Amino acid sequence: MVNYITESYKELRNHVSWPTWAEAQKLTVIVAVFSVLLALAVWGIDTVFHWLVDQYFIWIKS
């Protein structure tokens, strides 16, 4: 286990290319914007399906 952790640390330290601080900030904003857009899309679809199901049950009742 210790060997695995040591090798993982060396891999992260020496072989991973980390983004610059400015690039990390830019990518974080992009991810946040797309997350909000996806949440709004899911909310919209859910609202439409909710309305459709309500209309179906209103139609069945009458």
N, C-alpha and C. Protein backbone atom coordinates (compact mmCIF):
# COMPACT_ATOMS: atom_id res chain seq x y z
N MET A 1 0.83 -1.19 0.00
CA MET A 1 0.00 0.00 0.00
C MET A 1 0.87 1.26 0.00
N VAL A 2 1.92 1.25 0.80
CA VAL A 2 2.82 2.40 0.88
C VAL A 2 3.49 2.62 -0.47
N ASN A 3 3.89 1.52 -1.13
CA ASN A 3 4.52 1.62 -2.45
C ASN A 3 3.55 2.24 -3.46
N TYR A 4 2.30 1.83 -3.42
CA TYR A 4 1.29 2.37 -4.33
C TYR A 4 1.13 3.87 -4.13
N ILE A 5 1.03 4.31 -2.89
CA ILE A 5 0.88 5.73 -2.59
C ILE A 5 2.11 6.51 -3.04
N THR A 6 3.30 5.97 -2.79
CA THR A 6 4.54 6.63 -3.19
C THR A 6 4.62 6.77 -4.70
N GLU A 7 4.31 5.70 -5.41
CA GLU A 7 4.35 5.74 -6.87
C GLU A 7 3.30 6.69 -7.44
N SER A 8 2.13 6.71 -6.83
CA SER A 8 1.08 7.63 -7.28
C SER A 8 1.51 9.08 -7.08
N TYR A 9 2.11 9.37 -5.95
CA TYR A 9 2.58 10.73 -5.69
C TYR A 9 3.65 11.13 -6.70
N LYS A 10 4.59 10.23 -6.98
CA LYS A 10 5.63 10.53 -7.97
C LYS A 10 5.02 10.76 -9.35
N GLU A 11 4.04 9.98 -9.70
CA GLU A 11 3.37 10.14 -10.99
C GLU A 11 2.70 11.51 -11.08
N LEU A 12 1.97 11.89 -10.04
CA LEU A 12 1.31 13.19 -10.02
C LEU A 12 2.31 14.34 -10.05
N ARG A 13 3.42 14.16 -9.36
CA ARG A 13 4.42 15.23 -9.24
C ARG A 13 5.22 15.42 -10.53
N ASN A 14 5.55 14.32 -11.21
CA ASN A 14 6.51 14.39 -12.31
C ASN A 14 5.91 14.21 -13.71
N HIS A 15 4.77 13.55 -13.84
CA HIS A 15 4.28 13.19 -15.17
C HIS A 15 2.94 13.79 -15.54
N VAL A 16 2.31 14.50 -14.64
CA VAL A 16 1.01 15.11 -14.93
C VAL A 16 1.24 16.57 -15.28
N SER A 17 0.63 17.02 -16.38
CA SER A 17 0.75 18.44 -16.73
C SER A 17 -0.46 19.17 -16.14
N TRP A 18 -0.19 20.02 -15.18
CA TRP A 18 -1.23 20.75 -14.48
C TRP A 18 -1.53 22.05 -15.23
N PRO A 19 -2.80 22.46 -15.27
CA PRO A 19 -3.13 23.73 -15.94
C PRO A 19 -2.64 24.92 -15.10
N THR A 20 -2.48 26.04 -15.79
CA THR A 20 -2.12 27.25 -15.06
C THR A 20 -3.34 27.70 -14.25
N TRP A 21 -3.11 28.63 -13.30
CA TRP A 21 -4.20 29.12 -12.46
C TRP A 21 -5.27 29.81 -13.30
N ALA A 22 -4.86 30.60 -14.28
CA ALA A 22 -5.82 31.30 -15.14
C ALA A 22 -6.63 30.31 -15.98
N GLU A 23 -5.97 29.29 -16.49
CA GLU A 23 -6.68 28.28 -17.29
C GLU A 23 -7.66 27.49 -16.42
N ALA A 24 -7.27 27.16 -15.20
CA ALA A 24 -8.16 26.45 -14.29
C ALA A 24 -9.40 27.29 -13.96
N GLN A 25 -9.20 28.59 -13.76
CA GLN A 25 -10.33 29.48 -13.48
C GLN A 25 -11.28 29.54 -14.69
N LYS A 26 -10.72 29.67 -15.89
CA LYS A 26 -11.53 29.74 -17.10
C LYS A 26 -12.34 28.46 -17.29
N LEU A 27 -11.70 27.32 -17.09
CA LEU A 27 -12.39 26.05 -17.26
C LEU A 27 -13.46 25.85 -16.19
N THR A 28 -13.21 26.34 -14.98
CA THR A 28 -14.20 26.25 -13.91
C THR A 28 -15.46 27.05 -14.26
N VAL A 29 -15.27 28.23 -14.83
CA VAL A 29 -16.41 29.06 -15.24
C VAL A 29 -17.20 28.35 -16.35
N ILE A 30 -16.49 27.75 -17.30
CA ILE A 30 -17.16 27.03 -18.39
C ILE A 30 -18.00 25.88 -17.84
N VAL A 31 -17.43 25.12 -16.92
CA VAL A 31 -18.16 23.99 -16.32
C VAL A 31 -19.37 24.50 -15.55
N ALA A 32 -19.23 25.59 -14.82
CA ALA A 32 -20.35 26.14 -14.06
C ALA A 32 -21.47 26.60 -14.98
N VAL A 33 -21.13 27.27 -16.08
CA VAL A 33 -22.15 27.75 -17.02
C VAL A 33 -22.89 26.57 -17.65
N PHE A 34 -22.17 25.56 -18.10
CA PHE A 34 -22.83 24.41 -18.71
C PHE A 34 -23.66 23.63 -17.69
N SER A 35 -23.23 23.61 -16.43
CA SER A 35 -24.02 22.95 -15.39
C SER A 35 -25.35 23.66 -15.18
N VAL A 36 -25.31 24.99 -15.15
CA VAL A 36 -26.55 25.76 -15.00
C VAL A 36 -27.46 25.55 -16.20
N LEU A 37 -26.89 25.58 -17.41
CA LEU A 37 -27.69 25.36 -18.62
C LEU A 37 -28.33 23.98 -18.63
N LEU A 38 -27.57 22.96 -18.23
CA LEU A 38 -28.12 21.61 -18.17
C LEU A 38 -29.23 21.51 -17.13
N ALA A 39 -29.03 22.14 -15.98
CA ALA A 39 -30.05 22.13 -14.93
C ALA A 39 -31.33 22.80 -15.43
N LEU A 40 -31.20 23.92 -16.15
CA LEU A 40 -32.37 24.61 -16.69
C LEU A 40 -33.08 23.75 -17.74
N ALA A 41 -32.32 23.04 -18.56
CA ALA A 41 -32.92 22.17 -19.57
C ALA A 41 -33.69 21.03 -18.91
N VAL A 42 -33.11 20.41 -17.90
CA VAL A 42 -33.79 19.33 -17.18
C VAL A 42 -35.04 19.85 -16.49
N TRP A 43 -34.96 21.04 -15.87
CA TRP A 43 -36.13 21.65 -15.24
C TRP A 43 -37.23 21.90 -16.27
N GLY A 44 -36.86 22.40 -17.44
CA GLY A 44 -37.85 22.67 -18.48
C GLY A 44 -38.53 21.39 -18.97
N ILE A 45 -37.76 20.37 -19.21
CA ILE A 45 -38.32 19.09 -19.66
C ILE A 45 -39.23 18.51 -18.58
N ASP A 46 -38.79 18.59 -17.33
CA ASP A 46 -39.60 18.08 -16.22
C ASP A 46 -40.92 18.85 -16.12
N THR A 47 -40.88 20.16 -16.32
CA THR A 47 -42.09 20.98 -16.26
C THR A 47 -43.07 20.59 -17.37
N VAL A 48 -42.55 20.38 -18.57
CA VAL A 48 -43.41 19.98 -19.69
C VAL A 48 -44.03 18.62 -19.43
N PHE A 49 -43.25 17.65 -18.98
CA PHE A 49 -43.80 16.32 -18.69
C PHE A 49 -44.82 16.36 -17.57
N HIS A 50 -44.56 17.19 -16.56
CA HIS A 50 -45.52 17.34 -15.46
C HIS A 50 -46.85 17.87 -16.00
N TRP A 51 -46.78 18.89 -16.86
CA TRP A 51 -47.99 19.47 -17.46
C TRP A 51 -48.71 18.42 -18.30
N LEU A 52 -47.97 17.63 -19.08
CA LEU A 52 -48.59 16.60 -19.92
C LEU A 52 -49.30 15.54 -19.09
N VAL A 53 -48.67 15.11 -18.01
CA VAL A 53 -49.29 14.11 -17.14
C VAL A 53 -50.54 14.68 -16.49
N ASP A 54 -50.48 15.92 -16.03
CA ASP A 54 -51.66 16.58 -15.45
C ASP A 54 -52.79 16.63 -16.47
N GLN A 55 -52.48 17.02 -17.70
CA GLN A 55 -53.50 17.09 -18.74
C GLN A 55 -54.09 15.72 -19.03
N TYR A 56 -53.29 14.69 -19.02
CA TYR A 56 -53.75 13.33 -19.25
C TYR A 56 -54.76 12.93 -18.17
N PHE A 57 -54.43 13.17 -16.92
CA PHE A 57 -55.33 12.76 -15.83
C PHE A 57 -56.58 13.62 -15.79
N ILE A 58 -56.48 14.88 -16.18
CA ILE A 58 -57.68 15.72 -16.29
C ILE A 58 -58.59 15.16 -17.38
N TRP A 59 -57.99 14.76 -18.50
CA TRP A 59 -58.75 14.21 -19.62
C TRP A 59 -59.41 12.88 -19.23
N ILE A 60 -58.69 12.03 -18.48
CA ILE A 60 -59.23 10.73 -18.04
C ILE A 60 -60.39 10.96 -17.08
N LYS A 61 -60.29 11.93 -16.18
CA LYS A 61 -61.33 12.19 -15.19
C LYS A 61 -62.63 12.66 -15.83
N SER A 62 -62.53 13.41 -16.92
CA SER A 62 -63.75 13.98 -17.49
C SER A 62 -64.41 13.06 -18.50
